[in-house]
Each structure stands twice: as structure tokens, then as C-alpha cells.
């Protein structure tokens, strides 16, 4: 049976990268950012995160409000 575990160190790395992106590119405080999904290689290509109940989508460095 294949393993279904996830390397949490990798998850933490990606989560931190999304928080840093949200802060450095868009000015959101890192502690307010809740990452939802991201490209593990480059979150600026694609990521989804929430700040204060609003969900933001980043596609190729451009941000928009999702849904």
C-alpha cells in the first residue's frame, strides 16, 4: 500500500513562501495570511490565500479577489 503521508517540512516551506509573497509584493502582514493552495515551486505563479475573510488569487504575479 502506498504511503499517504505528507512531508510537513515541505508544507511549512510552501506556507512560509506564500506568506512572504503576500507581504513583500502586496503588503499584507504575514500573521494575517492564511495560505490555501500554492504552486510549490513558485507561489507567484499560482497561489490562493485568505486575509481577514477575503480570498485572494495570485496568477503570474497579478493579484485578484477570488469569487
C-alpha atoms as a PDB file:
ATOM      1  CA  UNK A   1       0.000   0.000   0.000  1.00  0.00           C
ATOM      2  CA  UNK A   2       1.467   3.407  -0.964  1.00  0.00           C
ATOM      3  CA  UNK A   3       2.224   5.940   1.737  1.00  0.00           C
ATOM      4  CA  UNK A   4      -0.281   8.772   2.095  1.00  0.00           C
ATOM      5  CA  UNK A   5       1.822  10.887   4.418  1.00  0.00           C
ATOM      6  CA  UNK A   6       2.980  14.394   3.602  1.00  0.00           C
ATOM      7  CA  UNK A   7       6.360  15.815   4.460  1.00  0.00           C
ATOM      8  CA  UNK A   8       5.329  18.639   6.781  1.00  0.00           C
ATOM      9  CA  UNK A   9       8.670  20.391   6.314  1.00  0.00           C
ATOM     10  CA  UNK A  10       7.767  20.859   2.650  1.00  0.00           C
ATOM     11  CA  UNK A  11       4.314  22.115   3.599  1.00  0.00           C
ATOM     12  CA  UNK A  12       5.825  24.613   6.031  1.00  0.00           C
ATOM     13  CA  UNK A  13       8.266  25.833   3.367  1.00  0.00           C
ATOM     14  CA  UNK A  14       5.445  26.465   0.880  1.00  0.00           C
ATOM     15  CA  UNK A  15       3.216  28.091   3.516  1.00  0.00           C
ATOM     16  CA  UNK A  16       6.040  30.431   4.537  1.00  0.00           C
ATOM     17  CA  UNK A  17       6.716  31.276   0.886  1.00  0.00           C
ATOM     18  CA  UNK A  18       3.064  32.284   0.351  1.00  0.00           C
ATOM     19  CA  UNK A  19       3.108  34.459   3.480  1.00  0.00           C
ATOM     20  CA  UNK A  20       6.326  36.160   2.373  1.00  0.00           C
ATOM     21  CA  UNK A  21       4.933  36.734  -1.116  1.00  0.00           C
ATOM     22  CA  UNK A  22       1.739  38.270   0.291  1.00  0.00           C
ATOM     23  CA  UNK A  23       3.807  40.594   2.474  1.00  0.00           C
ATOM     24  CA  UNK A  24       6.568  41.580   0.065  1.00  0.00           C
ATOM     25  CA  UNK A  25       4.508  42.003  -3.108  1.00  0.00           C
ATOM     26  CA  UNK A  26       1.133  43.093  -1.751  1.00  0.00           C
ATOM     27  CA  UNK A  27       1.721  44.467   1.755  1.00  0.00           C
ATOM     28  CA  UNK A  28      -0.342  42.004   3.799  1.00  0.00           C
ATOM     29  CA  UNK A  29       1.018  41.270   7.285  1.00  0.00           C
ATOM     30  CA  UNK A  30       2.290  37.679   7.361  1.00  0.00           C
ATOM     31  CA  UNK A  31       0.403  36.806  10.549  1.00  0.00           C
ATOM     32  CA  UNK A  32      -2.907  37.644   8.828  1.00  0.00           C
ATOM     33  CA  UNK A  33      -2.258  35.477   5.757  1.00  0.00           C
ATOM     34  CA  UNK A  34      -3.805  32.011   5.694  1.00  0.00           C
ATOM     35  CA  UNK A  35      -2.440  30.082   2.675  1.00  0.00           C
ATOM     36  CA  UNK A  36      -4.981  27.848   0.935  1.00  0.00           C
ATOM     37  CA  UNK A  37      -3.074  26.486  -2.072  1.00  0.00           C
ATOM     38  CA  UNK A  38       0.089  27.239  -3.993  1.00  0.00           C
ATOM     39  CA  UNK A  39       2.487  26.146  -6.683  1.00  0.00           C
ATOM     40  CA  UNK A  40       5.193  24.517  -4.542  1.00  0.00           C
ATOM     41  CA  UNK A  41       7.972  25.646  -6.893  1.00  0.00           C
ATOM     42  CA  UNK A  42       6.917  29.291  -7.264  1.00  0.00           C
ATOM     43  CA  UNK A  43       3.912  30.678  -5.355  1.00  0.00           C
ATOM     44  CA  UNK A  44       3.976  33.843  -7.504  1.00  0.00           C
ATOM     45  CA  UNK A  45       2.863  31.700 -10.486  1.00  0.00           C
ATOM     46  CA  UNK A  46      -0.191  30.480  -8.597  1.00  0.00           C
ATOM     47  CA  UNK A  47      -1.435  30.715  -5.047  1.00  0.00           C
ATOM     48  CA  UNK A  48      -4.619  31.251  -3.133  1.00  0.00           C
ATOM     49  CA  UNK A  49      -4.691  32.785   0.330  1.00  0.00           C
ATOM     50  CA  UNK A  50      -7.126  34.407   2.739  1.00  0.00           C
ATOM     51  CA  UNK A  51      -6.726  37.625   4.710  1.00  0.00           C
ATOM     52  CA  UNK A  52      -9.456  38.777   7.118  1.00  0.00           C
ATOM     53  CA  UNK A  53     -12.101  36.643   5.409  1.00  0.00           C
ATOM     54  CA  UNK A  54     -11.259  37.740   1.851  1.00  0.00           C
ATOM     55  CA  UNK A  55      -9.751  35.172  -0.506  1.00  0.00           C
ATOM     56  CA  UNK A  56      -7.080  36.376  -2.921  1.00  0.00           C
ATOM     57  CA  UNK A  57      -5.756  34.624  -6.030  1.00  0.00           C
ATOM     58  CA  UNK A  58      -2.302  35.254  -7.473  1.00  0.00           C
ATOM     59  CA  UNK A  59      -1.685  34.212 -11.090  1.00  0.00           C
ATOM     60  CA  UNK A  60       1.651  35.052 -12.713  1.00  0.00           C
ATOM     61  CA  UNK A  61       2.320  37.796 -10.157  1.00  0.00           C
ATOM     62  CA  UNK A  62      -1.058  39.517 -10.531  1.00  0.00           C
ATOM     63  CA  UNK A  63      -3.464  39.542  -7.585  1.00  0.00           C
ATOM     64  CA  UNK A  64      -7.245  39.476  -7.687  1.00  0.00           C
ATOM     65  CA  UNK A  65     -10.070  38.804  -5.279  1.00  0.00           C
ATOM     66  CA  UNK A  66     -11.324  35.254  -5.713  1.00  0.00           C
ATOM     67  CA  UNK A  67     -15.044  34.565  -6.009  1.00  0.00           C
END
